[in-house]
Amino acid sequence: MVAGGISIHAVDVASGRPANGLRVEIWRIDPEKVRLVDGRLGANGALDHAVAQGARVTAGEYEVLFHLGEFFGDGDAFLTVTPFRFRIKNVDEHFHLPLKFTRWGYSLFRGA
């Protein structure tokens, strides 16, 4: 089990494939607004970034932005950017955020 950090894994459940290339931003929004990550998920649908091992993760409120409209590549996308806000009090805990989505909806939660 990984100690500390924020990890992301996303799957397009309509196609049954990992979300290779999905753009993700991770922001710490409180106590100060700082973007920690602006990256893309790999072929396995996971974010390969030092934030997953706890780099720059401190106590505070966070927002992750999933750019689903970009992922589907059309200007008429129903979902454009999907935000997820959460708070970290204990930086030694790991925060895994699995995203399951289609063009029309999503499920996002704190996983194990």
Protein backbone atom coordinates (compact mmCIF):
# COMPACT_ATOMS: atom_id res chain seq x y z
CA MET A 1 0.00 0.00 0.00
CA VAL A 2 1.26 3.46 -0.91
CA ALA A 3 1.55 5.92 1.98
CA GLY A 4 0.55 9.50 1.23
CA GLY A 5 -0.17 11.01 -2.16
CA ILE A 6 -3.00 11.30 -4.66
CA SER A 7 -3.38 8.64 -7.34
CA ILE A 8 -5.85 8.56 -10.21
CA HIS A 9 -7.11 5.74 -12.38
CA ALA A 10 -9.81 6.25 -15.03
CA VAL A 11 -11.76 3.88 -17.27
CA ASP A 12 -14.20 4.63 -20.09
CA VAL A 13 -16.74 1.98 -19.10
CA ALA A 14 -18.67 2.27 -22.39
CA SER A 15 -15.62 1.06 -24.32
CA GLY A 16 -14.17 -1.00 -21.46
CA ARG A 17 -10.77 0.67 -21.92
CA PRO A 18 -8.46 2.70 -19.69
CA ALA A 19 -8.64 6.46 -20.31
CA ASN A 20 -5.30 6.75 -22.14
CA GLY A 21 -4.58 10.44 -22.80
CA LEU A 22 -7.25 11.91 -20.51
CA ARG A 23 -6.02 15.30 -19.29
CA VAL A 24 -6.13 15.74 -15.51
CA GLU A 25 -5.29 18.75 -13.36
CA ILE A 26 -4.77 18.58 -9.61
CA TRP A 27 -5.07 21.83 -7.69
CA ARG A 28 -4.58 22.58 -4.01
CA ILE A 29 -7.18 25.33 -3.57
CA ASP A 30 -6.90 26.04 0.15
CA PRO A 31 -4.96 27.43 1.98
CA GLU A 32 -3.57 28.83 -1.30
CA LYS A 33 -4.43 28.03 -4.93
CA VAL A 34 -1.59 26.10 -6.56
CA ARG A 35 -1.71 23.75 -9.53
CA LEU A 36 0.27 20.62 -8.68
CA VAL A 37 -0.36 18.62 -11.86
CA ASP A 38 -1.42 19.23 -15.45
CA GLY A 39 -0.87 15.87 -17.11
CA ARG A 40 -2.34 13.00 -19.08
CA LEU A 41 -3.17 9.48 -18.04
CA GLY A 42 -1.05 6.70 -19.47
CA ALA A 43 -2.02 3.61 -21.45
CA ASN A 44 -3.09 1.90 -18.22
CA GLY A 45 -5.43 4.79 -17.35
CA ALA A 46 -3.30 5.90 -14.41
CA LEU A 47 -1.53 9.17 -13.67
CA ASP A 48 2.23 8.71 -13.54
CA HIS A 49 3.32 11.68 -11.44
CA ALA A 50 5.26 12.26 -8.21
CA VAL A 51 2.07 13.52 -6.53
CA ALA A 52 1.01 9.84 -6.32
CA GLN A 53 3.93 9.30 -3.91
CA GLY A 54 3.06 12.42 -1.91
CA ALA A 55 5.21 15.08 -3.61
CA ARG A 56 3.89 18.54 -2.72
CA VAL A 57 0.80 17.11 -1.00
CA THR A 58 0.03 19.05 2.17
CA ALA A 59 -3.05 19.42 4.35
CA GLY A 60 -5.78 21.43 2.67
CA GLU A 61 -8.61 21.37 0.16
CA TYR A 62 -8.02 19.97 -3.33
CA GLU A 63 -9.77 19.96 -6.68
CA VAL A 64 -9.13 17.50 -9.49
CA LEU A 65 -10.34 18.47 -12.96
CA PHE A 66 -11.02 15.69 -15.48
CA HIS A 67 -11.17 17.08 -19.04
CA LEU A 68 -13.73 14.64 -20.45
CA GLY A 69 -14.85 16.87 -23.34
CA GLU A 70 -11.27 17.00 -24.63
CA PHE A 71 -10.96 13.24 -24.19
CA PHE A 72 -13.91 12.54 -26.46
CA GLY A 73 -12.58 15.09 -28.95
CA ASP A 74 -15.77 16.79 -30.01
CA GLY A 75 -16.97 20.32 -29.36
CA ASP A 76 -20.49 19.11 -28.59
CA ALA A 77 -19.56 16.93 -25.61
CA PHE A 78 -22.19 16.68 -22.87
CA LEU A 79 -19.56 16.54 -20.10
CA THR A 80 -16.82 19.11 -20.51
CA VAL A 81 -14.72 19.35 -17.34
CA THR A 82 -15.67 17.22 -14.35
CA PRO A 83 -14.45 18.61 -10.99
CA PHE A 84 -13.93 16.65 -7.78
CA ARG A 85 -13.22 18.47 -4.50
CA PHE A 86 -11.97 16.88 -1.32
CA ARG A 87 -10.01 17.67 1.83
CA ILE A 88 -6.79 16.14 3.09
CA LYS A 89 -6.14 16.37 6.81
CA ASN A 90 -3.66 13.53 7.26
CA VAL A 91 -0.95 13.68 4.58
CA ASP A 92 0.23 10.18 5.53
CA GLU A 93 -3.01 8.71 4.13
CA HIS A 94 -3.19 7.80 0.45
CA PHE A 95 -6.03 9.22 -1.63
CA HIS A 96 -6.88 7.01 -4.61
CA LEU A 97 -9.47 8.49 -6.97
CA PRO A 98 -10.93 5.96 -9.41
CA LEU A 99 -13.07 7.51 -12.16
CA LYS A 100 -15.51 5.44 -14.20
CA PHE A 101 -17.20 7.37 -16.98
CA THR A 102 -19.06 7.45 -20.29
CA ARG A 103 -19.97 10.37 -22.56
CA TRP A 104 -23.05 10.95 -20.41
CA GLY A 105 -22.07 10.40 -16.80
CA TYR A 106 -19.45 9.37 -14.28
CA SER A 107 -18.78 7.80 -10.91
CA LEU A 108 -15.94 9.14 -8.80
CA PHE A 109 -15.05 8.27 -5.23
CA ARG A 110 -12.19 7.72 -2.82
CA GLY A 111 -10.99 4.18 -3.41
CA ALA A 112 -8.64 1.93 -1.51
